[in-house]
């Protein structure tokens, strides 16, 4: 069933995840909580 189910699942996944992925890469206002970390 993969040739039939994968395209449908992929389309629904991308549609749902689009705002999540956009949120993860869109910078928010800069705070001291985010930045380079040490060892």
ModelCIF file with pLDDT and N, C-alpha, C, O atoms, coordinates in Angstrom:
data_MODEL
#
_entry.id   MODEL 
#
_entity.id                         1 
_entity.type                       polymer 
_entity.pdbx_number_of_molecules   1 
#
_entity_poly.entity_id                      1 
_entity_poly.type                           'polypeptide(L)' 
_entity_poly.nstd_linkage                   no 
_entity_poly.nstd_monomer                   no 
_entity_poly.pdbx_seq_one_letter_code       
;(UNK)(UNK)(UNK)(UNK)(UNK)(UNK)(UNK)(UNK)(UNK)(UNK)(UNK)(UNK)(UNK)(UNK)(UNK)(UNK)
(UNK)(UNK)(UNK)(UNK)(UNK)(UNK)(UNK)(UNK)(UNK)(UNK)(UNK)(UNK)(UNK)(UNK)(UNK)(UNK)
(UNK)(UNK)(UNK)(UNK)(UNK)(UNK)(UNK)
;
_entity_poly.pdbx_seq_one_letter_code_can   XXXXXXXXXXXXXXXXXXXXXXXXXXXXXXXXXXXXXXX 
_entity_poly.pdbx_strand_id                 A 
#
loop_
_entity_poly_seq.entity_id 
_entity_poly_seq.num 
_entity_poly_seq.mon_id 
_entity_poly_seq.hetero 
1 1  UNK n 
1 2  UNK n 
1 3  UNK n 
1 4  UNK n 
1 5  UNK n 
1 6  UNK n 
1 7  UNK n 
1 8  UNK n 
1 9  UNK n 
1 10 UNK n 
1 11 UNK n 
1 12 UNK n 
1 13 UNK n 
1 14 UNK n 
1 15 UNK n 
1 16 UNK n 
1 17 UNK n 
1 18 UNK n 
1 19 UNK n 
1 20 UNK n 
1 21 UNK n 
1 22 UNK n 
1 23 UNK n 
1 24 UNK n 
1 25 UNK n 
1 26 UNK n 
1 27 UNK n 
1 28 UNK n 
1 29 UNK n 
1 30 UNK n 
1 31 UNK n 
1 32 UNK n 
1 33 UNK n 
1 34 UNK n 
1 35 UNK n 
1 36 UNK n 
1 37 UNK n 
1 38 UNK n 
1 39 UNK n 
#
_struct_asym.id          A 
_struct_asym.entity_id   1 
#
loop_
_ma_qa_metric.id 
_ma_qa_metric.mode 
_ma_qa_metric.name 
_ma_qa_metric.software_group_id 
_ma_qa_metric.type 
1 global pLDDT . pLDDT 
2 local  pLDDT . pLDDT 
#
_ma_qa_metric_global.metric_id      1 
_ma_qa_metric_global.metric_value   58.74 
_ma_qa_metric_global.model_id       1 
_ma_qa_metric_global.ordinal_id     1 
#
loop_
_ma_qa_metric_local.label_asym_id 
_ma_qa_metric_local.label_comp_id 
_ma_qa_metric_local.label_seq_id 
_ma_qa_metric_local.metric_id 
_ma_qa_metric_local.metric_value 
_ma_qa_metric_local.model_id 
_ma_qa_metric_local.ordinal_id 
A UNK 1  2 38.00 1 1  
A UNK 2  2 34.00 1 2  
A UNK 3  2 43.00 1 3  
A UNK 4  2 40.00 1 4  
A UNK 5  2 37.00 1 5  
A UNK 6  2 38.00 1 6  
A UNK 7  2 44.00 1 7  
A UNK 8  2 42.00 1 8  
A UNK 9  2 38.00 1 9  
A UNK 10 2 40.00 1 10 
A UNK 11 2 40.00 1 11 
A UNK 12 2 42.00 1 12 
A UNK 13 2 38.00 1 13 
A UNK 14 2 40.00 1 14 
A UNK 15 2 41.00 1 15 
A UNK 16 2 40.00 1 16 
A UNK 17 2 41.00 1 17 
A UNK 18 2 45.00 1 18 
A UNK 19 2 48.00 1 19 
A UNK 20 2 47.00 1 20 
A UNK 21 2 49.00 1 21 
A UNK 22 2 54.00 1 22 
A UNK 23 2 55.00 1 23 
A UNK 24 2 54.00 1 24 
A UNK 25 2 57.00 1 25 
A UNK 26 2 63.00 1 26 
A UNK 27 2 64.00 1 27 
A UNK 28 2 68.00 1 28 
A UNK 29 2 77.00 1 29 
A UNK 30 2 84.00 1 30 
A UNK 31 2 92.00 1 31 
A UNK 32 2 96.00 1 32 
A UNK 33 2 96.00 1 33 
A UNK 34 2 93.00 1 34 
A UNK 35 2 93.00 1 35 
A UNK 36 2 94.00 1 36 
A UNK 37 2 95.00 1 37 
A UNK 38 2 96.00 1 38 
A UNK 39 2 95.00 1 39 
#
loop_
_atom_site.group_PDB 
_atom_site.id 
_atom_site.type_symbol 
_atom_site.label_atom_id 
_atom_site.label_alt_id 
_atom_site.label_comp_id 
_atom_site.label_asym_id 
_atom_site.label_entity_id 
_atom_site.label_seq_id 
_atom_site.pdbx_PDB_ins_code 
_atom_site.Cartn_x 
_atom_site.Cartn_y 
_atom_site.Cartn_z 
_atom_site.occupancy 
_atom_site.B_iso_or_equiv 
_atom_site.pdbx_formal_charge 
_atom_site.auth_seq_id 
_atom_site.auth_comp_id 
_atom_site.auth_asym_id 
_atom_site.auth_atom_id 
_atom_site.pdbx_PDB_model_num 
ATOM 1   N N  . UNK A 1 1  ? 0.795  -1.223 0.000  1.00 38.00 ? 1  UNK A N  1 
ATOM 2   C CA . UNK A 1 1  ? 0.000  0.000  0.000  1.00 38.00 ? 1  UNK A CA 1 
ATOM 3   C C  . UNK A 1 1  ? 0.826  1.272  0.000  1.00 38.00 ? 1  UNK A C  1 
ATOM 4   O O  . UNK A 1 1  ? 0.272  2.366  -0.103 1.00 38.00 ? 1  UNK A O  1 
ATOM 5   N N  . UNK A 1 2  ? 2.153  1.149  0.114  1.00 34.00 ? 2  UNK A N  1 
ATOM 6   C CA . UNK A 1 2  ? 2.996  2.347  0.211  1.00 34.00 ? 2  UNK A CA 1 
ATOM 7   C C  . UNK A 1 2  ? 2.835  3.316  -0.954 1.00 34.00 ? 2  UNK A C  1 
ATOM 8   O O  . UNK A 1 2  ? 2.741  4.521  -0.718 1.00 34.00 ? 2  UNK A O  1 
ATOM 9   N N  . UNK A 1 3  ? 2.799  2.841  -2.222 1.00 43.00 ? 3  UNK A N  1 
ATOM 10  C CA . UNK A 1 3  ? 2.672  3.814  -3.326 1.00 43.00 ? 3  UNK A CA 1 
ATOM 11  C C  . UNK A 1 3  ? 1.421  4.674  -3.225 1.00 43.00 ? 3  UNK A C  1 
ATOM 12  O O  . UNK A 1 3  ? 1.381  5.773  -3.778 1.00 43.00 ? 3  UNK A O  1 
ATOM 13  N N  . UNK A 1 4  ? 0.391  4.184  -2.522 1.00 40.00 ? 4  UNK A N  1 
ATOM 14  C CA . UNK A 1 4  ? -0.853 4.943  -2.409 1.00 40.00 ? 4  UNK A CA 1 
ATOM 15  C C  . UNK A 1 4  ? -0.909 5.761  -1.114 1.00 40.00 ? 4  UNK A C  1 
ATOM 16  O O  . UNK A 1 4  ? -1.443 6.870  -1.091 1.00 40.00 ? 4  UNK A O  1 
ATOM 17  N N  . UNK A 1 5  ? -0.351 5.197  -0.040 1.00 37.00 ? 5  UNK A N  1 
ATOM 18  C CA . UNK A 1 5  ? -0.478 5.861  1.257  1.00 37.00 ? 5  UNK A CA 1 
ATOM 19  C C  . UNK A 1 5  ? 0.587  6.919  1.479  1.00 37.00 ? 5  UNK A C  1 
ATOM 20  O O  . UNK A 1 5  ? 0.301  7.945  2.095  1.00 37.00 ? 5  UNK A O  1 
ATOM 21  N N  . UNK A 1 6  ? 1.815  6.705  0.996  1.00 38.00 ? 6  UNK A N  1 
ATOM 22  C CA . UNK A 1 6  ? 2.897  7.652  1.282  1.00 38.00 ? 6  UNK A CA 1 
ATOM 23  C C  . UNK A 1 6  ? 2.611  9.048  0.756  1.00 38.00 ? 6  UNK A C  1 
ATOM 24  O O  . UNK A 1 6  ? 2.780  10.006 1.510  1.00 38.00 ? 6  UNK A O  1 
ATOM 25  N N  . UNK A 1 7  ? 2.176  9.228  -0.528 1.00 44.00 ? 7  UNK A N  1 
ATOM 26  C CA . UNK A 1 7  ? 1.906  10.602 -0.979 1.00 44.00 ? 7  UNK A CA 1 
ATOM 27  C C  . UNK A 1 7  ? 0.832  11.288 -0.142 1.00 44.00 ? 7  UNK A C  1 
ATOM 28  O O  . UNK A 1 7  ? 0.971  12.468 0.180  1.00 44.00 ? 7  UNK A O  1 
ATOM 29  N N  . UNK A 1 8  ? -0.246 10.567 0.222  1.00 42.00 ? 8  UNK A N  1 
ATOM 30  C CA . UNK A 1 8  ? -1.314 11.185 1.004  1.00 42.00 ? 8  UNK A CA 1 
ATOM 31  C C  . UNK A 1 8  ? -0.828 11.556 2.402  1.00 42.00 ? 8  UNK A C  1 
ATOM 32  O O  . UNK A 1 8  ? -1.121 12.644 2.897  1.00 42.00 ? 8  UNK A O  1 
ATOM 33  N N  . UNK A 1 9  ? -0.084 10.644 3.038  1.00 38.00 ? 9  UNK A N  1 
ATOM 34  C CA . UNK A 1 9  ? 0.452  10.917 4.374  1.00 38.00 ? 9  UNK A CA 1 
ATOM 35  C C  . UNK A 1 9  ? 1.442  12.063 4.322  1.00 38.00 ? 9  UNK A C  1 
ATOM 36  O O  . UNK A 1 9  ? 1.446  12.932 5.195  1.00 38.00 ? 9  UNK A O  1 
ATOM 37  N N  . UNK A 1 10 ? 2.291  12.063 3.287  1.00 40.00 ? 10 UNK A N  1 
ATOM 38  C CA . UNK A 1 10 ? 3.300  13.120 3.168  1.00 40.00 ? 10 UNK A CA 1 
ATOM 39  C C  . UNK A 1 10 ? 2.647  14.482 3.013  1.00 40.00 ? 10 UNK A C  1 
ATOM 40  O O  . UNK A 1 10 ? 3.092  15.459 3.617  1.00 40.00 ? 10 UNK A O  1 
ATOM 41  N N  . UNK A 1 11 ? 1.580  14.555 2.198  1.00 40.00 ? 11 UNK A N  1 
ATOM 42  C CA . UNK A 1 11 ? 0.910  15.838 1.993  1.00 40.00 ? 11 UNK A CA 1 
ATOM 43  C C  . UNK A 1 11 ? 0.291  16.340 3.293  1.00 40.00 ? 11 UNK A C  1 
ATOM 44  O O  . UNK A 1 11 ? 0.433  17.513 3.639  1.00 40.00 ? 11 UNK A O  1 
ATOM 45  N N  . UNK A 1 12 ? -0.393 15.456 4.012  1.00 42.00 ? 12 UNK A N  1 
ATOM 46  C CA . UNK A 1 12 ? -1.002 15.865 5.275  1.00 42.00 ? 12 UNK A CA 1 
ATOM 47  C C  . UNK A 1 12 ? 0.040  16.246 6.307  1.00 42.00 ? 12 UNK A C  1 
ATOM 48  O O  . UNK A 1 12 ? -0.154 17.187 7.076  1.00 42.00 ? 12 UNK A O  1 
ATOM 49  N N  . UNK A 1 13 ? 1.159  15.509 6.326  1.00 38.00 ? 13 UNK A N  1 
ATOM 50  C CA . UNK A 1 13 ? 2.226  15.815 7.275  1.00 38.00 ? 13 UNK A CA 1 
ATOM 51  C C  . UNK A 1 13 ? 2.825  17.180 7.015  1.00 38.00 ? 13 UNK A C  1 
ATOM 52  O O  . UNK A 1 13 ? 3.012  17.973 7.937  1.00 38.00 ? 13 UNK A O  1 
ATOM 53  N N  . UNK A 1 14 ? 3.125  17.453 5.752  1.00 40.00 ? 14 UNK A N  1 
ATOM 54  C CA . UNK A 1 14 ? 3.731  18.741 5.411  1.00 40.00 ? 14 UNK A CA 1 
ATOM 55  C C  . UNK A 1 14 ? 2.779  19.887 5.736  1.00 40.00 ? 14 UNK A C  1 
ATOM 56  O O  . UNK A 1 14 ? 3.204  20.921 6.250  1.00 40.00 ? 14 UNK A O  1 
ATOM 57  N N  . UNK A 1 15 ? 1.481  19.704 5.437  1.00 41.00 ? 15 UNK A N  1 
ATOM 58  C CA . UNK A 1 15 ? 0.501  20.760 5.694  1.00 41.00 ? 15 UNK A CA 1 
ATOM 59  C C  . UNK A 1 15 ? 0.423  21.065 7.194  1.00 41.00 ? 15 UNK A C  1 
ATOM 60  O O  . UNK A 1 15 ? 0.340  22.226 7.595  1.00 41.00 ? 15 UNK A O  1 
ATOM 61  N N  . UNK A 1 16 ? 0.450  20.018 8.009  1.00 40.00 ? 16 UNK A N  1 
ATOM 62  C CA . UNK A 1 16 ? 0.345  20.224 9.451  1.00 40.00 ? 16 UNK A CA 1 
ATOM 63  C C  . UNK A 1 16 ? 1.637  20.769 10.041 1.00 40.00 ? 16 UNK A C  1 
ATOM 64  O O  . UNK A 1 16 ? 1.609  21.607 10.942 1.00 40.00 ? 16 UNK A O  1 
ATOM 65  N N  . UNK A 1 17 ? 2.767  20.292 9.533  1.00 41.00 ? 17 UNK A N  1 
ATOM 66  C CA . UNK A 1 17 ? 4.046  20.683 10.111 1.00 41.00 ? 17 UNK A CA 1 
ATOM 67  C C  . UNK A 1 17 ? 4.544  22.030 9.632  1.00 41.00 ? 17 UNK A C  1 
ATOM 68  O O  . UNK A 1 17 ? 5.450  22.599 10.242 1.00 41.00 ? 17 UNK A O  1 
ATOM 69  N N  . UNK A 1 18 ? 3.977  22.560 8.554  1.00 45.00 ? 18 UNK A N  1 
ATOM 70  C CA . UNK A 1 18 ? 4.483  23.820 8.009  1.00 45.00 ? 18 UNK A CA 1 
ATOM 71  C C  . UNK A 1 18 ? 4.566  24.918 9.062  1.00 45.00 ? 18 UNK A C  1 
ATOM 72  O O  . UNK A 1 18 ? 5.613  25.552 9.185  1.00 45.00 ? 18 UNK A O  1 
ATOM 73  N N  . UNK A 1 19 ? 3.482  25.174 9.843  1.00 48.00 ? 19 UNK A N  1 
ATOM 74  C CA . UNK A 1 19 ? 3.607  26.222 10.861 1.00 48.00 ? 19 UNK A CA 1 
ATOM 75  C C  . UNK A 1 19 ? 4.596  25.875 11.957 1.00 48.00 ? 19 UNK A C  1 
ATOM 76  O O  . UNK A 1 19 ? 5.210  26.773 12.534 1.00 48.00 ? 19 UNK A O  1 
ATOM 77  N N  . UNK A 1 20 ? 4.769  24.574 12.262 1.00 47.00 ? 20 UNK A N  1 
ATOM 78  C CA . UNK A 1 20 ? 5.722  24.176 13.291 1.00 47.00 ? 20 UNK A CA 1 
ATOM 79  C C  . UNK A 1 20 ? 7.140  24.461 12.834 1.00 47.00 ? 20 UNK A C  1 
ATOM 80  O O  . UNK A 1 20 ? 7.929  25.058 13.566 1.00 47.00 ? 20 UNK A O  1 
ATOM 81  N N  . UNK A 1 21 ? 7.463  24.029 11.610 1.00 49.00 ? 21 UNK A N  1 
ATOM 82  C CA . UNK A 1 21 ? 8.807  24.246 11.083 1.00 49.00 ? 21 UNK A CA 1 
ATOM 83  C C  . UNK A 1 21 ? 9.094  25.733 10.933 1.00 49.00 ? 21 UNK A C  1 
ATOM 84  O O  . UNK A 1 21 ? 10.202 26.192 11.210 1.00 49.00 ? 21 UNK A O  1 
ATOM 85  N N  . UNK A 1 22 ? 8.093  26.478 10.495 1.00 54.00 ? 22 UNK A N  1 
ATOM 86  C CA . UNK A 1 22 ? 8.276  27.921 10.370 1.00 54.00 ? 22 UNK A CA 1 
ATOM 87  C C  . UNK A 1 22 ? 8.550  28.541 11.731 1.00 54.00 ? 22 UNK A C  1 
ATOM 88  O O  . UNK A 1 22 ? 9.398  29.424 11.858 1.00 54.00 ? 22 UNK A O  1 
ATOM 89  N N  . UNK A 1 23 ? 7.828  28.076 12.749 1.00 55.00 ? 23 UNK A N  1 
ATOM 90  C CA . UNK A 1 23 ? 8.035  28.610 14.094 1.00 55.00 ? 23 UNK A CA 1 
ATOM 91  C C  . UNK A 1 23 ? 9.442  28.310 14.595 1.00 55.00 ? 23 UNK A C  1 
ATOM 92  O O  . UNK A 1 23 ? 10.063 29.140 15.259 1.00 55.00 ? 23 UNK A O  1 
ATOM 93  N N  . UNK A 1 24 ? 9.943  27.109 14.271 1.00 54.00 ? 24 UNK A N  1 
ATOM 94  C CA . UNK A 1 24 ? 11.248 26.709 14.781 1.00 54.00 ? 24 UNK A CA 1 
ATOM 95  C C  . UNK A 1 24 ? 12.385 27.512 14.177 1.00 54.00 ? 24 UNK A C  1 
ATOM 96  O O  . UNK A 1 24 ? 13.423 27.683 14.817 1.00 54.00 ? 24 UNK A O  1 
ATOM 97  N N  . UNK A 1 25 ? 12.213 28.012 12.955 1.00 57.00 ? 25 UNK A N  1 
ATOM 98  C CA . UNK A 1 25 ? 13.305 28.732 12.297 1.00 57.00 ? 25 UNK A CA 1 
ATOM 99  C C  . UNK A 1 25 ? 13.099 30.239 12.298 1.00 57.00 ? 25 UNK A C  1 
ATOM 100 O O  . UNK A 1 25 ? 14.020 30.981 11.956 1.00 57.00 ? 25 UNK A O  1 
ATOM 101 N N  . UNK A 1 26 ? 11.908 30.713 12.675 1.00 63.00 ? 26 UNK A N  1 
ATOM 102 C CA . UNK A 1 26 ? 11.664 32.149 12.702 1.00 63.00 ? 26 UNK A CA 1 
ATOM 103 C C  . UNK A 1 26 ? 12.206 32.731 14.000 1.00 63.00 ? 26 UNK A C  1 
ATOM 104 O O  . UNK A 1 26 ? 11.773 32.310 15.072 1.00 63.00 ? 26 UNK A O  1 
ATOM 105 N N  . UNK A 1 27 ? 13.137 33.681 13.949 1.00 64.00 ? 27 UNK A N  1 
ATOM 106 C CA . UNK A 1 27 ? 13.703 34.232 15.180 1.00 64.00 ? 27 UNK A CA 1 
ATOM 107 C C  . UNK A 1 27 ? 12.645 34.930 16.018 1.00 64.00 ? 27 UNK A C  1 
ATOM 108 O O  . UNK A 1 27 ? 11.749 35.585 15.485 1.00 64.00 ? 27 UNK A O  1 
ATOM 109 N N  . UNK A 1 28 ? 12.754 34.786 17.320 1.00 68.00 ? 28 UNK A N  1 
ATOM 110 C CA . UNK A 1 28 ? 11.918 35.532 18.252 1.00 68.00 ? 28 UNK A CA 1 
ATOM 111 C C  . UNK A 1 28 ? 12.755 36.678 18.806 1.00 68.00 ? 28 UNK A C  1 
ATOM 112 O O  . UNK A 1 28 ? 13.943 36.794 18.508 1.00 68.00 ? 28 UNK A O  1 
ATOM 113 N N  . UNK A 1 29 ? 12.126 37.516 19.608 1.00 77.00 ? 29 UNK A N  1 
ATOM 114 C CA . UNK A 1 29 ? 12.864 38.621 20.216 1.00 77.00 ? 29 UNK A CA 1 
ATOM 115 C C  . UNK A 1 29 ? 14.052 38.076 21.008 1.00 77.00 ? 29 UNK A C  1 
ATOM 116 O O  . UNK A 1 29 ? 13.919 37.084 21.724 1.00 77.00 ? 29 UNK A O  1 
ATOM 117 N N  . UNK A 1 30 ? 15.191 38.712 20.882 1.00 84.00 ? 30 UNK A N  1 
ATOM 118 C CA . UNK A 1 30 ? 16.425 38.204 21.480 1.00 84.00 ? 30 UNK A CA 1 
ATOM 119 C C  . UNK A 1 30 ? 16.363 38.298 23.005 1.00 84.00 ? 30 UNK A C  1 
ATOM 120 O O  . UNK A 1 30 ? 16.012 39.336 23.565 1.00 84.00 ? 30 UNK A O  1 
ATOM 121 N N  . UNK A 1 31 ? 16.713 37.185 23.662 1.00 92.00 ? 31 UNK A N  1 
ATOM 122 C CA . UNK A 1 31 ? 16.828 37.158 25.121 1.00 92.00 ? 31 UNK A CA 1 
ATOM 123 C C  . UNK A 1 31 ? 18.105 36.405 25.482 1.00 92.00 ? 31 UNK A C  1 
ATOM 124 O O  . UNK A 1 31 ? 18.768 35.819 24.627 1.00 92.00 ? 31 UNK A O  1 
ATOM 125 N N  . UNK A 1 32 ? 18.429 36.439 26.769 1.00 96.00 ? 32 UNK A N  1 
ATOM 126 C CA . UNK A 1 32 ? 19.626 35.740 27.251 1.00 96.00 ? 32 UNK A CA 1 
ATOM 127 C C  . UNK A 1 32 ? 19.409 34.238 27.359 1.00 96.00 ? 32 UNK A C  1 
ATOM 128 O O  . UNK A 1 32 ? 20.335 33.509 27.717 1.00 96.00 ? 32 UNK A O  1 
ATOM 129 N N  . UNK A 1 33 ? 18.196 33.756 27.056 1.00 96.00 ? 33 UNK A N  1 
ATOM 130 C CA . UNK A 1 33 ? 17.917 32.322 27.149 1.00 96.00 ? 33 UNK A CA 1 
ATOM 131 C C  . UNK A 1 33 ? 18.436 31.542 25.955 1.00 96.00 ? 33 UNK A C  1 
ATOM 132 O O  . UNK A 1 33 ? 18.536 30.316 26.013 1.00 96.00 ? 33 UNK A O  1 
ATOM 133 N N  . UNK A 1 34 ? 18.766 32.229 24.881 1.00 93.00 ? 34 UNK A N  1 
ATOM 134 C CA . UNK A 1 34 ? 19.189 31.575 23.638 1.00 93.00 ? 34 UNK A CA 1 
ATOM 135 C C  . UNK A 1 34 ? 20.535 32.143 23.210 1.00 93.00 ? 34 UNK A C  1 
ATOM 136 O O  . UNK A 1 34 ? 20.728 33.358 23.216 1.00 93.00 ? 34 UNK A O  1 
ATOM 137 N N  . UNK A 1 35 ? 21.474 31.262 22.835 1.00 93.00 ? 35 UNK A N  1 
ATOM 138 C CA . UNK A 1 35 ? 22.774 31.728 22.378 1.00 93.00 ? 35 UNK A CA 1 
ATOM 139 C C  . UNK A 1 35 ? 23.811 30.629 22.499 1.00 93.00 ? 35 UNK A C  1 
ATOM 140 O O  . UNK A 1 35 ? 23.470 29.513 22.891 1.00 93.00 ? 35 UNK A O  1 
ATOM 141 N N  . UNK A 1 36 ? 25.051 30.905 22.179 1.00 94.00 ? 36 UNK A N  1 
ATOM 142 C CA . UNK A 1 36 ? 26.119 29.894 22.265 1.00 94.00 ? 36 UNK A CA 1 
ATOM 143 C C  . UNK A 1 36 ? 26.214 29.321 23.675 1.00 94.00 ? 36 UNK A C  1 
ATOM 144 O O  . UNK A 1 36 ? 25.998 30.029 24.658 1.00 94.00 ? 36 UNK A O  1 
ATOM 145 N N  . UNK A 1 37 ? 26.536 28.040 23.763 1.00 95.00 ? 37 UNK A N  1 
ATOM 146 C CA . UNK A 1 37 ? 26.701 27.381 25.057 1.00 95.00 ? 37 UNK A CA 1 
ATOM 147 C C  . UNK A 1 37 ? 28.119 26.860 25.188 1.00 95.00 ? 37 UNK A C  1 
ATOM 148 O O  . UNK A 1 37 ? 28.797 26.609 24.192 1.00 95.00 ? 37 UNK A O  1 
ATOM 149 N N  . UNK A 1 38 ? 28.555 26.701 26.421 1.00 96.00 ? 38 UNK A N  1 
ATOM 150 C CA . UNK A 1 38 ? 29.883 26.187 26.692 1.00 96.00 ? 38 UNK A CA 1 
ATOM 151 C C  . UNK A 1 38 ? 29.873 24.694 26.950 1.00 96.00 ? 38 UNK A C  1 
ATOM 152 O O  . UNK A 1 38 ? 28.905 24.003 26.633 1.00 96.00 ? 38 UNK A O  1 
ATOM 153 N N  . UNK A 1 39 ? 30.951 24.203 27.524 1.00 95.00 ? 39 UNK A N  1 
ATOM 154 C CA . UNK A 1 39 ? 31.112 22.763 27.745 1.00 95.00 ? 39 UNK A CA 1 
ATOM 155 C C  . UNK A 1 39 ? 30.565 22.325 29.101 1.00 95.00 ? 39 UNK A C  1 
ATOM 156 O O  . UNK A 1 39 ? 30.625 21.143 29.438 1.00 95.00 ? 39 UNK A O  1 
#
